[in-house]
N, C-alpha and C. Protein backbone atom coordinates (compact mmCIF):
# COMPACT_ATOMS: atom_id res chain seq x y z
N UNK A 1 64.87 21.69 -42.13
CA UNK A 1 64.41 20.55 -42.93
C UNK A 1 65.09 19.27 -42.46
N UNK A 2 66.37 19.36 -42.16
CA UNK A 2 67.11 18.18 -41.71
C UNK A 2 66.60 17.70 -40.35
N UNK A 3 66.23 18.65 -39.49
CA UNK A 3 65.74 18.27 -38.16
C UNK A 3 64.41 17.53 -38.26
N UNK A 4 63.56 17.93 -39.20
CA UNK A 4 62.28 17.24 -39.40
C UNK A 4 62.53 15.80 -39.82
N UNK A 5 63.47 15.60 -40.74
CA UNK A 5 63.82 14.25 -41.18
C UNK A 5 64.35 13.43 -40.01
N UNK A 6 65.16 14.05 -39.17
CA UNK A 6 65.73 13.36 -38.02
C UNK A 6 64.64 12.92 -37.05
N UNK A 7 63.64 13.79 -36.84
CA UNK A 7 62.53 13.45 -35.95
C UNK A 7 61.74 12.27 -36.50
N UNK A 8 61.48 12.29 -37.82
CA UNK A 8 60.77 11.16 -38.43
C UNK A 8 61.58 9.88 -38.30
N UNK A 9 62.90 10.00 -38.43
CA UNK A 9 63.78 8.84 -38.30
C UNK A 9 63.70 8.27 -36.88
N UNK A 10 63.64 9.14 -35.89
CA UNK A 10 63.52 8.68 -34.50
C UNK A 10 62.19 7.96 -34.29
N UNK A 11 61.11 8.53 -34.85
CA UNK A 11 59.81 7.86 -34.73
C UNK A 11 59.85 6.49 -35.40
N UNK A 12 60.54 6.41 -36.55
CA UNK A 12 60.69 5.14 -37.26
C UNK A 12 61.40 4.12 -36.37
N UNK A 13 62.47 4.55 -35.73
CA UNK A 13 63.21 3.64 -34.85
C UNK A 13 62.33 3.16 -33.70
N UNK A 14 61.61 4.10 -33.09
CA UNK A 14 60.83 3.76 -31.89
C UNK A 14 59.67 2.83 -32.24
N UNK A 15 58.93 3.15 -33.31
CA UNK A 15 57.69 2.42 -33.56
C UNK A 15 57.89 1.15 -34.37
N UNK A 16 59.00 1.02 -35.10
CA UNK A 16 59.20 -0.16 -35.95
C UNK A 16 60.28 -1.07 -35.40
N UNK A 17 61.42 -0.52 -35.02
CA UNK A 17 62.53 -1.38 -34.60
C UNK A 17 62.35 -1.91 -33.19
N UNK A 18 61.80 -1.10 -32.27
CA UNK A 18 61.63 -1.59 -30.90
C UNK A 18 60.61 -2.73 -30.83
N UNK A 19 59.45 -2.65 -31.49
CA UNK A 19 58.55 -3.82 -31.49
C UNK A 19 59.20 -5.04 -32.12
N UNK A 20 59.95 -4.87 -33.21
CA UNK A 20 60.61 -6.01 -33.85
C UNK A 20 61.62 -6.64 -32.91
N UNK A 21 62.31 -5.80 -32.13
CA UNK A 21 63.32 -6.32 -31.21
C UNK A 21 62.66 -7.04 -30.03
N UNK A 22 61.46 -6.62 -29.65
CA UNK A 22 60.81 -7.21 -28.49
C UNK A 22 60.07 -8.50 -28.84
N UNK A 23 59.73 -8.70 -30.11
CA UNK A 23 58.97 -9.89 -30.50
C UNK A 23 59.76 -11.18 -30.25
N UNK A 24 61.04 -11.30 -30.65
CA UNK A 24 61.77 -12.54 -30.39
C UNK A 24 61.89 -12.84 -28.90
N UNK A 25 62.09 -11.83 -28.07
CA UNK A 25 62.20 -12.07 -26.64
C UNK A 25 60.87 -12.55 -26.08
N UNK A 26 59.75 -12.03 -26.63
CA UNK A 26 58.44 -12.50 -26.19
C UNK A 26 58.24 -13.96 -26.57
N UNK A 27 58.70 -14.34 -27.76
CA UNK A 27 58.57 -15.73 -28.21
C UNK A 27 59.41 -16.64 -27.31
N UNK A 28 60.62 -16.20 -26.98
CA UNK A 28 61.48 -17.01 -26.10
C UNK A 28 60.86 -17.16 -24.72
N UNK A 29 60.26 -16.09 -24.21
CA UNK A 29 59.61 -16.17 -22.90
C UNK A 29 58.44 -17.14 -22.95
N UNK A 30 57.68 -17.12 -24.04
CA UNK A 30 56.55 -18.04 -24.18
C UNK A 30 57.05 -19.49 -24.25
N UNK A 31 58.15 -19.71 -24.98
CA UNK A 31 58.71 -21.06 -25.07
C UNK A 31 59.16 -21.54 -23.69
N UNK A 32 59.80 -20.67 -22.92
CA UNK A 32 60.24 -21.06 -21.58
C UNK A 32 59.05 -21.41 -20.71
N UNK A 33 57.97 -20.64 -20.83
CA UNK A 33 56.77 -20.91 -20.05
C UNK A 33 56.19 -22.27 -20.44
N UNK A 34 56.14 -22.54 -21.76
CA UNK A 34 55.61 -23.83 -22.23
C UNK A 34 56.48 -24.98 -21.72
N UNK A 35 57.81 -24.81 -21.81
CA UNK A 35 58.72 -25.87 -21.36
C UNK A 35 58.56 -26.10 -19.86
N UNK A 36 58.43 -25.02 -19.10
CA UNK A 36 58.27 -25.17 -17.66
C UNK A 36 56.96 -25.90 -17.36
N UNK A 37 55.90 -25.58 -18.09
CA UNK A 37 54.62 -26.26 -17.88
C UNK A 37 54.72 -27.73 -18.25
N UNK A 38 55.39 -28.06 -19.34
CA UNK A 38 55.54 -29.45 -19.76
C UNK A 38 56.35 -30.23 -18.72
N UNK A 39 57.42 -29.64 -18.21
CA UNK A 39 58.24 -30.32 -17.21
C UNK A 39 57.43 -30.59 -15.95
N UNK A 40 56.59 -29.64 -15.56
CA UNK A 40 55.79 -29.80 -14.36
C UNK A 40 54.82 -30.97 -14.55
N UNK A 41 54.23 -31.06 -15.74
CA UNK A 41 53.28 -32.15 -16.01
C UNK A 41 54.01 -33.49 -16.01
N UNK A 42 55.18 -33.54 -16.66
CA UNK A 42 55.92 -34.81 -16.77
C UNK A 42 56.35 -35.28 -15.38
N UNK A 43 56.95 -34.39 -14.60
CA UNK A 43 57.46 -34.80 -13.29
C UNK A 43 56.32 -35.03 -12.31
N UNK A 44 55.20 -34.33 -12.52
CA UNK A 44 54.05 -34.52 -11.64
C UNK A 44 53.43 -35.89 -11.83
N UNK A 45 53.44 -36.41 -13.06
CA UNK A 45 52.87 -37.74 -13.33
C UNK A 45 53.75 -38.83 -12.76
N UNK A 46 55.07 -38.62 -12.75
CA UNK A 46 55.96 -39.62 -12.17
C UNK A 46 55.81 -39.50 -10.67
C-alpha cells in the first residue's frame, strides 16, 4: 500500500512540479528573445 502511494507521489512530482519549474525559465527565455529583438531594431535604425 505504501509503495502505491509512493508511485502516485512520483507521478505528482513529475507531472505537476516539473512543468511549474519549467514555466519561469520559458518566460525568461521569451523575455531575452524579445529584448534581443528590440536591441536589434534600435541599433539597426541608428
